[in-house]
Protein backbone atom coordinates (compact mmCIF):
# COMPACT_ATOMS: atom_id res chain seq x y z
CA MET A 1 78.50 26.24 72.23
CA SER A 2 78.27 22.52 72.99
CA ARG A 3 81.46 21.77 71.03
CA GLY A 4 83.39 24.34 73.05
CA LEU A 5 81.97 22.93 76.27
CA LEU A 6 83.01 19.42 75.24
CA LEU A 7 86.54 20.57 74.44
CA LEU A 8 86.72 22.39 77.76
CA ALA A 9 85.57 19.28 79.63
CA LEU A 10 88.08 17.06 77.80
CA GLY A 11 90.89 19.53 78.45
CA GLY A 12 90.00 19.67 82.15
CA ALA A 13 89.90 15.89 82.38
CA ALA A 14 93.31 15.66 80.71
CA LEU A 15 94.82 18.14 83.14
CA LEU A 16 93.38 16.37 86.18
CA ALA A 17 94.41 12.86 85.05
CA GLU A 18 97.02 11.02 87.09
CA PRO A 19 100.11 9.86 85.19
CA SER A 20 99.92 6.17 84.43
CA LEU A 21 102.55 3.54 83.84
CA GLY A 22 102.57 1.27 80.84
CA GLN A 23 103.34 -1.88 82.77
CA CYS A 24 101.36 -4.22 84.97
CA SER A 25 101.93 -4.21 88.72
CA MET A 26 103.83 -7.52 88.64
CA CYS A 27 106.30 -6.25 86.05
CA GLN A 28 106.67 -2.96 87.91
CA THR A 29 107.47 -4.77 91.15
CA ALA A 30 110.03 -6.99 89.43
CA LEU A 31 111.72 -4.01 87.81
CA THR A 32 111.80 -1.65 90.78
CA ASN A 33 113.02 -4.26 93.29
CA SER A 34 116.19 -5.07 91.39
CA SER A 35 119.10 -2.68 91.07
CA GLU A 36 119.45 -2.99 87.31
CA GLY A 37 115.67 -2.95 86.85
CA GLN A 38 115.44 0.51 88.32
CA ARG A 39 117.64 1.82 85.52
CA ILE A 40 115.52 0.39 82.74
CA ALA A 41 112.03 0.93 84.21
CA SER A 42 111.27 4.09 82.22
CA GLU A 43 112.56 2.59 78.97
CA PHE A 44 110.39 -0.45 79.66
CA ASN A 45 107.34 1.82 80.05
CA HIS A 46 108.10 3.57 76.76
CA ALA A 47 108.57 0.26 74.96
CA ILE A 48 105.20 -1.00 76.16
CA LEU A 49 103.45 2.20 75.08
CA VAL A 50 105.07 2.03 71.64
CA MET A 51 103.89 -1.56 71.24
CA VAL A 52 100.36 -0.47 72.13
CA ALA A 53 100.40 2.45 69.66
CA ALA A 54 101.81 0.54 66.68
CA PRO A 55 98.64 -1.40 65.73
CA TYR A 56 96.57 1.78 65.88
CA LEU A 57 99.02 3.46 63.54
CA VAL A 58 98.97 0.58 61.06
CA PHE A 59 95.19 0.17 60.98
CA GLY A 60 94.68 3.94 60.97
CA SER A 61 96.95 4.25 57.94
CA ILE A 62 95.06 1.51 56.10
CA ALA A 63 91.70 3.06 56.97
CA GLY A 64 92.92 6.49 55.87
CA PHE A 65 94.16 5.11 52.56
CA LEU A 66 90.87 3.31 51.89
CA PHE A 67 88.84 6.35 52.88
CA ARG A 68 90.92 8.59 50.63
CA THR A 69 90.53 6.29 47.61
CA ARG A 70 86.75 6.23 48.13
CA ILE A 71 86.63 10.02 48.34
CA VAL A 72 88.71 10.33 45.15
CA GLU A 73 86.44 7.86 43.34
CA TRP A 74 83.33 9.67 44.57
CA LEU A 75 84.67 13.07 43.50
CA GLY A 76 85.76 11.69 40.14
CA ALA A 77 82.30 10.23 39.51
CA ARG A 78 80.59 13.42 40.67
CA TYR A 79 82.65 15.77 38.50
CA SER A 80 82.62 13.55 35.42
CA SER A 81 78.81 13.36 35.50
CA SER A 82 78.36 17.10 36.14
CA SER A 83 80.64 18.15 33.29
CA ARG A 84 78.51 16.40 30.65
């Protein structure tokens, strides 16, 4: 019950959230005030968001690999001791 309520609350918060930009207000002002900056403003936002996501992806991959090797070692030790 509480897990479903939590998921419902998170889903509601996600639907009510305002869209945000990936750039600071100074960069946004500089981009939107120039004629060529208006063309590249959305690509600039995407580039910033990709740069933010990349470290999470790298460290998440490393953590997943380490976690998986520990699980494999634990299972190997558990099944080798139980088969004797």
